[in-house]
């Protein structure tokens, strides 16, 4: 029973020291007759070295302020080279489901007197038909092509007569 008291006293003193509380100024001596062993040496937690403080890293404030870029107009380059005299455009696969993207490229820009060639890479037939009766390709079969010359400047709209949702523009400069 005496050993339990000794152990309890040491445990309480250690707990108080670990919590930062003060320990008793002097421990209570225990006689050899009470414990059946030689007397315990006097012990003080004040002789133990104190651990160094843990450094706390500096944390930037949250949320961090991020500057928002201002929008500035993007300059549009001017075309300084003359338009091509020969242009190829593709009628892509599944073009009948498309509208303004059914003819690649769209719009087509060509020089006065230049030639435009439509090539059908779709698996179904198409046409290239001017909206103002300027030209009509007739049926362009898969793998086939059609070419026409543009002798006068202007903007010409066209479509596929089989799939009227397929539309395009030819700009002659």
N, C-alpha and C. Protein backbone atom coordinates (compact mmCIF):
# COMPACT_ATOMS: atom_id res chain seq x y z
N UNK A 1 0.82 -1.19 0.00
CA UNK A 1 0.00 0.00 0.00
C UNK A 1 0.86 1.26 0.00
N UNK A 2 1.99 1.16 0.71
CA UNK A 2 2.88 2.30 0.75
C UNK A 2 3.48 2.59 -0.63
N UNK A 3 3.79 1.52 -1.37
CA UNK A 3 4.34 1.72 -2.71
C UNK A 3 3.32 2.40 -3.62
N UNK A 4 2.06 2.09 -3.44
CA UNK A 4 1.01 2.72 -4.24
C UNK A 4 0.95 4.20 -3.94
N UNK A 5 1.08 4.57 -2.65
CA UNK A 5 1.07 5.99 -2.29
C UNK A 5 2.28 6.70 -2.89
N UNK A 6 3.44 6.05 -2.84
CA UNK A 6 4.64 6.64 -3.40
C UNK A 6 4.46 6.85 -4.91
N UNK A 7 3.96 5.82 -5.55
CA UNK A 7 3.74 5.91 -6.99
C UNK A 7 2.73 7.01 -7.31
N UNK A 8 1.67 7.09 -6.54
CA UNK A 8 0.64 8.10 -6.75
C UNK A 8 1.22 9.49 -6.56
N UNK A 9 2.05 9.67 -5.55
CA UNK A 9 2.65 10.98 -5.29
C UNK A 9 3.54 11.40 -6.45
N UNK A 10 4.36 10.48 -6.94
CA UNK A 10 5.23 10.79 -8.06
C UNK A 10 4.40 11.07 -9.32
N UNK A 11 3.36 10.28 -9.52
CA UNK A 11 2.50 10.47 -10.70
C UNK A 11 1.81 11.83 -10.67
N UNK A 12 1.29 12.22 -9.53
CA UNK A 12 0.61 13.51 -9.41
C UNK A 12 1.60 14.64 -9.64
N UNK A 13 2.80 14.51 -9.08
CA UNK A 13 3.80 15.56 -9.26
C UNK A 13 4.20 15.67 -10.73
N UNK A 14 4.37 14.53 -11.40
CA UNK A 14 4.73 14.55 -12.82
C UNK A 14 3.61 15.15 -13.66
N UNK A 15 2.38 14.82 -13.34
CA UNK A 15 1.24 15.36 -14.08
C UNK A 15 1.15 16.86 -13.90
N UNK A 16 1.33 17.32 -12.67
CA UNK A 16 1.29 18.76 -12.43
C UNK A 16 2.40 19.48 -13.19
N UNK A 17 3.58 18.88 -13.22
CA UNK A 17 4.69 19.50 -13.94
C UNK A 17 4.43 19.53 -15.44
N UNK A 18 3.85 18.45 -15.96
CA UNK A 18 3.57 18.40 -17.39
C UNK A 18 2.52 19.41 -17.79
N UNK A 19 1.60 19.70 -16.89
CA UNK A 19 0.54 20.65 -17.19
C UNK A 19 0.97 22.08 -16.94
N UNK A 20 2.17 22.26 -16.44
CA UNK A 20 2.64 23.61 -16.19
C UNK A 20 2.27 24.09 -14.81
N UNK A 21 1.67 23.28 -13.99
CA UNK A 21 1.34 23.68 -12.62
C UNK A 21 2.57 23.57 -11.76
N UNK A 22 2.51 24.22 -10.67
CA UNK A 22 3.65 24.16 -9.75
C UNK A 22 3.65 22.84 -9.02
N UNK A 23 4.83 22.35 -8.75
CA UNK A 23 4.97 21.12 -7.98
C UNK A 23 5.16 21.47 -6.52
N UNK A 24 4.95 20.54 -5.64
CA UNK A 24 5.19 20.83 -4.22
C UNK A 24 6.64 21.26 -4.04
N UNK A 25 6.88 22.20 -3.14
CA UNK A 25 8.22 22.73 -2.91
C UNK A 25 9.20 21.64 -2.50
N UNK A 26 8.80 20.77 -1.63
CA UNK A 26 9.67 19.66 -1.22
C UNK A 26 8.83 18.42 -1.15
N UNK A 27 9.36 17.33 -1.68
CA UNK A 27 8.58 16.10 -1.60
C UNK A 27 8.55 15.58 -0.16
N UNK A 28 7.49 14.89 0.13
CA UNK A 28 7.36 14.32 1.48
C UNK A 28 8.27 13.11 1.57
N UNK A 29 9.23 13.09 2.54
CA UNK A 29 10.09 11.93 2.65
C UNK A 29 9.33 10.72 3.13
N UNK A 30 9.70 9.58 2.63
CA UNK A 30 9.08 8.33 3.03
C UNK A 30 10.16 7.51 3.73
N UNK A 31 9.82 7.00 4.85
CA UNK A 31 10.83 6.26 5.63
C UNK A 31 11.02 4.87 5.06
N UNK A 32 12.22 4.30 5.38
CA UNK A 32 12.53 2.96 4.89
C UNK A 32 11.62 1.94 5.54
N UNK A 33 11.22 2.21 6.72
CA UNK A 33 10.37 1.25 7.42
C UNK A 33 8.97 1.21 6.80
N UNK A 34 8.54 2.33 6.28
CA UNK A 34 7.19 2.35 5.71
C UNK A 34 7.14 1.64 4.37
N UNK A 35 8.20 1.73 3.57
CA UNK A 35 8.17 1.13 2.25
C UNK A 35 8.86 -0.22 2.22
N UNK A 36 9.70 -0.49 3.17
CA UNK A 36 10.43 -1.74 3.17
C UNK A 36 11.64 -1.68 2.28
N UNK A 37 11.99 -0.49 1.80
CA UNK A 37 13.16 -0.32 0.96
C UNK A 37 13.96 0.85 1.47
N UNK A 38 15.05 1.16 0.84
CA UNK A 38 15.82 2.31 1.25
C UNK A 38 15.05 3.58 0.91
N UNK A 39 15.32 4.68 1.55
CA UNK A 39 14.57 5.91 1.32
C UNK A 39 14.80 6.45 -0.10
N UNK A 40 13.75 7.06 -0.63
CA UNK A 40 13.82 7.65 -1.97
C UNK A 40 14.60 8.94 -1.91
N UNK A 41 15.32 9.24 -2.96
CA UNK A 41 16.06 10.49 -3.05
C UNK A 41 15.08 11.62 -3.33
N UNK A 42 15.42 12.79 -2.85
CA UNK A 42 14.56 13.95 -3.09
C UNK A 42 14.60 14.28 -4.59
N UNK A 43 13.46 14.57 -5.18
CA UNK A 43 13.35 14.81 -6.61
C UNK A 43 12.56 16.08 -6.83
N UNK A 44 12.98 16.88 -7.75
CA UNK A 44 12.27 18.11 -8.07
C UNK A 44 12.19 18.26 -9.59
N UNK A 45 11.00 18.60 -10.08
CA UNK A 45 10.83 18.80 -11.52
C UNK A 45 11.43 20.13 -11.97
N UNK A 46 11.74 21.01 -11.06
CA UNK A 46 12.30 22.30 -11.45
C UNK A 46 13.72 22.15 -11.96
N UNK A 47 14.36 21.00 -11.72
CA UNK A 47 15.72 20.79 -12.23
C UNK A 47 15.73 20.28 -13.66
N UNK A 48 14.59 19.86 -14.18
CA UNK A 48 14.53 19.36 -15.56
C UNK A 48 14.61 20.53 -16.53
N UNK A 49 15.29 20.32 -17.68
CA UNK A 49 15.35 21.41 -18.67
C UNK A 49 13.98 21.61 -19.32
N UNK A 50 13.68 22.84 -19.60
CA UNK A 50 12.41 23.17 -20.27
C UNK A 50 12.59 23.00 -21.77
N UNK A 51 11.60 22.40 -22.44
CA UNK A 51 11.73 22.26 -23.90
C UNK A 51 11.66 23.62 -24.57
N UNK A 52 12.34 23.72 -25.71
CA UNK A 52 12.32 24.98 -26.43
C UNK A 52 10.95 25.15 -27.09
N UNK A 53 10.50 26.37 -27.24
CA UNK A 53 9.17 26.59 -27.85
C UNK A 53 9.17 26.14 -29.31
N UNK A 54 8.04 25.64 -29.76
CA UNK A 54 7.88 25.18 -31.13
C UNK A 54 7.67 26.41 -32.01
N UNK A 55 8.50 26.56 -33.06
CA UNK A 55 8.32 27.73 -33.92
C UNK A 55 7.03 27.62 -34.73
N UNK A 56 6.32 28.72 -34.83
CA UNK A 56 5.07 28.76 -35.59
C UNK A 56 5.37 29.45 -36.92
N UNK A 57 5.15 28.76 -38.04
CA UNK A 57 5.45 29.39 -39.33
C UNK A 57 4.49 30.54 -39.59
N UNK A 58 5.01 31.53 -40.26
CA UNK A 58 4.13 32.65 -40.62
C UNK A 58 3.26 32.23 -41.80
N UNK A 59 1.99 32.45 -41.70
CA UNK A 59 1.03 32.05 -42.71
C UNK A 59 0.50 33.32 -43.37
N UNK A 60 0.54 33.36 -44.70
CA UNK A 60 0.01 34.55 -45.36
C UNK A 60 -1.48 34.68 -45.10
N UNK A 61 -1.98 35.88 -45.09
CA UNK A 61 -3.43 36.06 -44.84
C UNK A 61 -4.24 35.37 -45.92
N UNK A 62 -5.39 34.87 -45.52
CA UNK A 62 -6.29 34.19 -46.45
C UNK A 62 -7.59 34.95 -46.48
N UNK A 63 -8.23 35.16 -47.56
CA UNK A 63 -7.80 34.85 -48.92
C UNK A 63 -6.79 35.86 -49.41
N UNK A 64 -5.89 35.38 -50.24
CA UNK A 64 -4.87 36.23 -50.82
C UNK A 64 -5.50 37.10 -51.91
N UNK A 65 -5.16 38.33 -51.95
CA UNK A 65 -5.71 39.25 -52.94
C UNK A 65 -4.99 39.02 -54.26
N UNK A 66 -5.76 38.70 -55.27
CA UNK A 66 -5.21 38.46 -56.60
C UNK A 66 -5.71 39.58 -57.51
N UNK A 67 -4.79 40.29 -58.14
CA UNK A 67 -5.27 41.37 -59.02
C UNK A 67 -6.00 40.80 -60.23
N UNK A 68 -7.08 41.45 -60.60
CA UNK A 68 -7.86 41.04 -61.76
C UNK A 68 -7.35 41.82 -62.97
N UNK A 69 -6.93 41.08 -64.00
CA UNK A 69 -6.41 41.81 -65.17
C UNK A 69 -7.52 42.59 -65.85
N UNK A 70 -7.16 43.73 -66.36
CA UNK A 70 -8.15 44.53 -67.07
C UNK A 70 -8.22 44.07 -68.51
N UNK A 71 -9.38 44.15 -69.07
CA UNK A 71 -9.58 43.72 -70.45
C UNK A 71 -9.18 44.87 -71.37
N UNK A 72 -8.40 44.54 -72.36
CA UNK A 72 -8.05 45.54 -73.36
C UNK A 72 -8.43 44.98 -74.72
N UNK A 73 -8.80 45.83 -75.61
CA UNK A 73 -9.21 45.33 -76.93
C UNK A 73 -8.03 44.66 -77.63
N UNK A 74 -8.35 43.58 -78.32
CA UNK A 74 -7.34 42.86 -79.09
C UNK A 74 -7.35 43.43 -80.50
N UNK A 75 -6.20 43.88 -80.94
CA UNK A 75 -6.19 44.45 -82.30
C UNK A 75 -6.42 43.35 -83.34
N UNK A 76 -7.26 43.64 -84.29
CA UNK A 76 -7.54 42.70 -85.38
C UNK A 76 -6.60 43.04 -86.52
N UNK A 77 -5.77 42.06 -86.89
CA UNK A 77 -4.83 42.37 -87.97
C UNK A 77 -5.56 42.59 -89.29
N UNK A 78 -5.06 43.51 -90.05
CA UNK A 78 -5.62 43.79 -91.37
C UNK A 78 -4.96 42.86 -92.38
N UNK A 79 -5.76 42.33 -93.28
CA UNK A 79 -5.22 41.46 -94.32
C UNK A 79 -4.49 42.33 -95.32
N UNK A 80 -3.18 42.13 -95.39
CA UNK A 80 -2.40 42.94 -96.31
C UNK A 80 -2.04 42.18 -97.57
N UNK A 81 -2.14 40.85 -97.51
CA UNK A 81 -1.82 40.07 -98.71
C UNK A 81 -3.10 39.90 -99.53
N UNK A 82 -2.97 39.78 -100.83
CA UNK A 82 -4.16 39.60 -101.66
C UNK A 82 -4.78 38.23 -101.40
N UNK A 83 -6.09 38.10 -101.58
CA UNK A 83 -6.74 36.80 -101.38
C UNK A 83 -6.23 35.78 -102.38
N UNK A 84 -6.33 34.50 -102.06
CA UNK A 84 -5.84 33.46 -102.97
C UNK A 84 -6.69 33.38 -104.23
N UNK A 85 -6.08 32.87 -105.29
CA UNK A 85 -6.80 32.72 -106.55
C UNK A 85 -7.42 31.32 -106.67
N UNK A 86 -7.00 30.41 -105.82
CA UNK A 86 -7.55 29.04 -105.83
C UNK A 86 -7.82 28.64 -104.38
N UNK A 87 -9.07 28.27 -104.08
CA UNK A 87 -9.47 27.89 -102.73
C UNK A 87 -10.17 26.54 -102.78
N UNK A 88 -9.81 25.67 -101.82
CA UNK A 88 -10.46 24.36 -101.69
C UNK A 88 -11.25 24.35 -100.40
N UNK A 89 -12.48 23.88 -100.49
CA UNK A 89 -13.31 23.74 -99.30
C UNK A 89 -13.82 22.31 -99.23
N UNK A 90 -14.01 21.83 -98.03
CA UNK A 90 -14.40 20.44 -97.79
C UNK A 90 -15.84 20.39 -97.29
N UNK A 91 -16.57 19.40 -97.79
CA UNK A 91 -17.88 19.07 -97.22
C UNK A 91 -17.61 17.87 -96.31
N UNK A 92 -17.61 18.08 -94.96
CA UNK A 92 -17.17 17.04 -94.04
C UNK A 92 -18.20 15.94 -93.82
N UNK A 93 -17.77 14.91 -93.13
CA UNK A 93 -18.67 13.80 -92.77
C UNK A 93 -19.78 14.35 -91.88
N UNK A 94 -21.00 13.87 -92.09
CA UNK A 94 -22.20 14.29 -91.36
C UNK A 94 -22.53 15.77 -91.57
N UNK A 95 -22.15 16.32 -92.70
CA UNK A 95 -22.41 17.73 -93.00
C UNK A 95 -23.90 18.03 -93.04
N UNK A 96 -24.71 17.05 -93.36
CA UNK A 96 -26.16 17.31 -93.46
C UNK A 96 -26.76 17.67 -92.11
N UNK A 97 -26.05 17.41 -91.00
CA UNK A 97 -26.54 17.78 -89.67
C UNK A 97 -26.02 19.15 -89.24
N UNK A 98 -25.17 19.77 -90.05
CA UNK A 98 -24.54 21.04 -89.70
C UNK A 98 -25.23 22.20 -90.40
N UNK A 99 -24.84 23.42 -90.01
CA UNK A 99 -25.40 24.62 -90.66
C UNK A 99 -24.24 25.44 -91.23
N UNK A 100 -23.77 26.46 -90.49
CA UNK A 100 -22.70 27.33 -90.98
C UNK A 100 -21.34 26.64 -91.04
N UNK A 101 -21.19 25.49 -90.38
CA UNK A 101 -19.91 24.76 -90.42
C UNK A 101 -19.96 23.59 -91.39
N UNK A 102 -21.01 23.51 -92.19
CA UNK A 102 -21.16 22.38 -93.12
C UNK A 102 -20.16 22.46 -94.26
N UNK A 103 -19.66 23.64 -94.57
CA UNK A 103 -18.64 23.80 -95.60
C UNK A 103 -17.40 24.36 -94.92
N UNK A 104 -16.28 23.64 -95.01
CA UNK A 104 -15.03 24.10 -94.39
C UNK A 104 -14.13 24.62 -95.48
N UNK A 105 -13.82 25.81 -95.58
CA UNK A 105 -14.00 26.89 -94.64
C UNK A 105 -15.22 27.72 -94.98
N UNK A 106 -15.65 28.51 -94.04
CA UNK A 106 -16.81 29.35 -94.25
C UNK A 106 -16.63 30.59 -93.39
N UNK A 107 -16.59 31.78 -93.92
CA UNK A 107 -16.75 32.10 -95.34
C UNK A 107 -15.47 31.80 -96.13
N UNK A 108 -15.65 31.69 -97.42
CA UNK A 108 -14.54 31.47 -98.35
C UNK A 108 -14.16 32.83 -98.92
N UNK A 109 -12.87 33.17 -98.88
CA UNK A 109 -12.39 34.43 -99.46
C UNK A 109 -11.50 34.07 -100.64
N UNK A 110 -11.82 34.65 -101.81
CA UNK A 110 -11.08 34.34 -103.04
C UNK A 110 -10.89 35.64 -103.83
N UNK A 111 -9.84 35.68 -104.64
CA UNK A 111 -9.57 36.85 -105.46
C UNK A 111 -10.53 36.90 -106.65
N UNK A 112 -10.72 38.10 -107.18
CA UNK A 112 -11.54 38.24 -108.39
C UNK A 112 -10.88 37.42 -109.49
N UNK A 113 -11.69 36.59 -110.16
CA UNK A 113 -11.18 35.70 -111.19
C UNK A 113 -10.68 34.38 -110.63
N UNK A 114 -10.74 34.21 -109.31
CA UNK A 114 -10.27 32.97 -108.67
C UNK A 114 -11.28 31.85 -108.76
N UNK A 115 -10.83 30.66 -108.39
CA UNK A 115 -11.65 29.45 -108.48
C UNK A 115 -11.82 28.84 -107.10
N UNK A 116 -13.04 28.38 -106.82
CA UNK A 116 -13.34 27.66 -105.57
C UNK A 116 -13.71 26.23 -105.94
N UNK A 117 -13.13 25.27 -105.20
CA UNK A 117 -13.43 23.86 -105.43
C UNK A 117 -14.01 23.28 -104.15
N UNK A 118 -15.18 22.66 -104.27
CA UNK A 118 -15.81 21.96 -103.15
C UNK A 118 -15.51 20.47 -103.31
N UNK A 119 -15.03 19.82 -102.25
CA UNK A 119 -14.74 18.38 -102.27
C UNK A 119 -15.62 17.71 -101.22
N UNK A 120 -16.37 16.68 -101.64
CA UNK A 120 -17.30 15.98 -100.75
C UNK A 120 -16.59 14.77 -100.13
N UNK A 121 -16.32 14.84 -98.81
CA UNK A 121 -15.73 13.69 -98.10
C UNK A 121 -16.77 13.01 -97.22
N UNK A 122 -18.02 13.42 -97.37
CA UNK A 122 -19.13 12.81 -96.63
C UNK A 122 -19.50 11.48 -97.29
N UNK A 123 -20.39 10.74 -96.64
CA UNK A 123 -20.83 9.45 -97.20
C UNK A 123 -22.15 9.58 -97.95
N UNK A 124 -22.64 10.80 -98.08
CA UNK A 124 -23.89 11.05 -98.82
C UNK A 124 -23.66 12.16 -99.84
N UNK A 125 -24.58 12.31 -100.79
CA UNK A 125 -24.44 13.31 -101.85
C UNK A 125 -24.82 14.70 -101.33
N UNK A 126 -24.22 15.73 -101.93
CA UNK A 126 -24.51 17.13 -101.60
C UNK A 126 -24.45 17.95 -102.88
N UNK A 127 -24.79 19.25 -102.74
CA UNK A 127 -24.64 20.19 -103.86
C UNK A 127 -24.02 21.48 -103.33
N UNK A 128 -23.57 22.32 -104.23
CA UNK A 128 -23.17 23.70 -103.93
C UNK A 128 -23.99 24.55 -104.88
N UNK A 129 -25.00 25.23 -104.35
CA UNK A 129 -25.95 25.95 -105.18
C UNK A 129 -26.06 27.40 -104.70
N UNK A 130 -25.80 28.37 -105.59
CA UNK A 130 -25.90 29.78 -105.23
C UNK A 130 -27.35 30.15 -104.95
N UNK A 131 -27.51 31.04 -103.97
CA UNK A 131 -28.87 31.48 -103.64
C UNK A 131 -29.46 32.36 -104.73
N UNK A 132 -28.63 33.00 -105.57
CA UNK A 132 -29.13 33.91 -106.62
C UNK A 132 -28.97 33.31 -108.02
N UNK A 133 -28.92 31.99 -108.13
CA UNK A 133 -28.78 31.29 -109.40
C UNK A 133 -27.45 31.58 -110.10
N UNK A 134 -26.41 31.93 -109.35
CA UNK A 134 -25.10 32.21 -109.95
C UNK A 134 -24.39 30.93 -110.38
N UNK A 135 -24.56 29.84 -109.68
CA UNK A 135 -23.95 28.55 -110.04
C UNK A 135 -24.72 27.42 -109.37
N UNK A 136 -24.60 26.25 -109.92
CA UNK A 136 -25.19 25.04 -109.35
C UNK A 136 -24.29 23.87 -109.71
N UNK A 137 -23.87 23.15 -108.73
CA UNK A 137 -22.93 22.04 -108.96
C UNK A 137 -23.61 20.78 -109.46
N UNK A 138 -24.90 20.69 -109.25
CA UNK A 138 -25.54 19.40 -109.46
C UNK A 138 -25.11 18.50 -108.28
N UNK A 139 -25.35 17.23 -108.39
CA UNK A 139 -25.02 16.31 -107.30
C UNK A 139 -23.51 16.06 -107.25
N UNK A 140 -22.95 16.27 -106.05
CA UNK A 140 -21.53 15.96 -105.82
C UNK A 140 -21.51 14.66 -105.01
N UNK A 141 -21.12 13.58 -105.64
CA UNK A 141 -21.10 12.27 -104.99
C UNK A 141 -19.98 12.19 -103.94
N UNK A 142 -20.06 11.24 -102.99
CA UNK A 142 -18.97 11.06 -102.03
C UNK A 142 -17.64 10.84 -102.75
N UNK A 143 -16.63 11.61 -102.36
CA UNK A 143 -15.32 11.54 -103.02
C UNK A 143 -15.21 12.44 -104.23
N UNK A 144 -16.33 13.02 -104.69
CA UNK A 144 -16.32 13.88 -105.87
C UNK A 144 -16.04 15.33 -105.51
N UNK A 145 -15.91 16.17 -106.55
CA UNK A 145 -15.66 17.59 -106.33
C UNK A 145 -16.33 18.42 -107.43
N UNK A 146 -16.42 19.72 -107.16
CA UNK A 146 -17.01 20.67 -108.12
C UNK A 146 -16.23 21.97 -107.99
N UNK A 147 -15.92 22.61 -109.12
CA UNK A 147 -15.20 23.89 -109.13
C UNK A 147 -15.97 24.91 -109.94
N UNK A 148 -15.88 26.18 -109.52
CA UNK A 148 -16.46 27.27 -110.29
C UNK A 148 -15.57 28.50 -110.14
N UNK A 149 -15.61 29.36 -111.17
CA UNK A 149 -14.78 30.57 -111.21
C UNK A 149 -15.64 31.78 -110.85
N UNK A 150 -15.03 32.77 -110.14
CA UNK A 150 -15.75 33.97 -109.72
C UNK A 150 -15.12 35.18 -110.39
N UNK A 151 -15.71 35.65 -111.53
CA UNK A 151 -15.11 36.75 -112.30
C UNK A 151 -15.41 38.14 -111.75
N UNK A 152 -16.41 38.29 -110.88
CA UNK A 152 -16.78 39.62 -110.39
C UNK A 152 -16.69 39.66 -108.86
N UNK A 153 -16.33 40.84 -108.31
CA UNK A 153 -16.27 40.96 -106.85
C UNK A 153 -17.67 40.97 -106.25
N UNK A 154 -17.74 40.60 -104.98
CA UNK A 154 -19.02 40.61 -104.27
C UNK A 154 -19.08 39.53 -103.21
N UNK A 155 -20.21 39.48 -102.54
CA UNK A 155 -20.46 38.46 -101.52
C UNK A 155 -21.60 37.59 -102.00
N UNK A 156 -21.37 36.31 -102.04
CA UNK A 156 -22.35 35.37 -102.60
C UNK A 156 -22.68 34.31 -101.56
N UNK A 157 -23.97 34.15 -101.30
CA UNK A 157 -24.42 33.11 -100.36
C UNK A 157 -24.81 31.87 -101.15
N UNK A 158 -24.64 30.71 -100.54
CA UNK A 158 -24.99 29.46 -101.21
C UNK A 158 -25.45 28.44 -100.18
N UNK A 159 -25.95 27.30 -100.68
CA UNK A 159 -26.48 26.25 -99.82
C UNK A 159 -26.38 24.91 -100.54
N UNK A 160 -26.73 23.85 -99.82
CA UNK A 160 -26.87 22.53 -100.44
C UNK A 160 -28.35 22.36 -100.77
N UNK A 161 -28.66 22.09 -102.02
CA UNK A 161 -30.06 21.97 -102.44
C UNK A 161 -30.73 20.73 -101.81
N UNK A 162 -29.94 19.73 -101.46
CA UNK A 162 -30.50 18.51 -100.85
C UNK A 162 -30.72 18.72 -99.34
N UNK A 163 -29.81 19.46 -98.71
CA UNK A 163 -29.88 19.73 -97.27
C UNK A 163 -29.84 21.25 -97.09
N UNK A 164 -30.98 21.94 -97.15
CA UNK A 164 -30.98 23.42 -97.15
C UNK A 164 -30.43 24.07 -95.89
N UNK A 165 -30.25 23.30 -94.81
CA UNK A 165 -29.66 23.87 -93.59
C UNK A 165 -28.16 24.10 -93.77
N UNK A 166 -27.55 23.46 -94.76
CA UNK A 166 -26.11 23.64 -95.04
C UNK A 166 -25.94 24.92 -95.84
N UNK A 167 -25.31 25.93 -95.21
CA UNK A 167 -25.19 27.24 -95.88
C UNK A 167 -23.75 27.71 -95.84
N UNK A 168 -23.40 28.60 -96.77
CA UNK A 168 -22.07 29.15 -96.83
C UNK A 168 -22.04 30.49 -97.54
N UNK A 169 -20.85 31.13 -97.47
CA UNK A 169 -20.65 32.44 -98.09
C UNK A 169 -19.34 32.42 -98.84
N UNK A 170 -19.34 33.01 -100.05
CA UNK A 170 -18.11 33.22 -100.82
C UNK A 170 -17.93 34.73 -100.95
N UNK A 171 -16.77 35.23 -100.52
CA UNK A 171 -16.44 36.66 -100.63
C UNK A 171 -15.36 36.78 -101.71
N UNK A 172 -15.69 37.51 -102.76
CA UNK A 172 -14.76 37.72 -103.87
C UNK A 172 -14.22 39.14 -103.78
N UNK A 173 -12.89 39.27 -103.64
CA UNK A 173 -12.26 40.60 -103.48
C UNK A 173 -11.30 40.88 -104.60
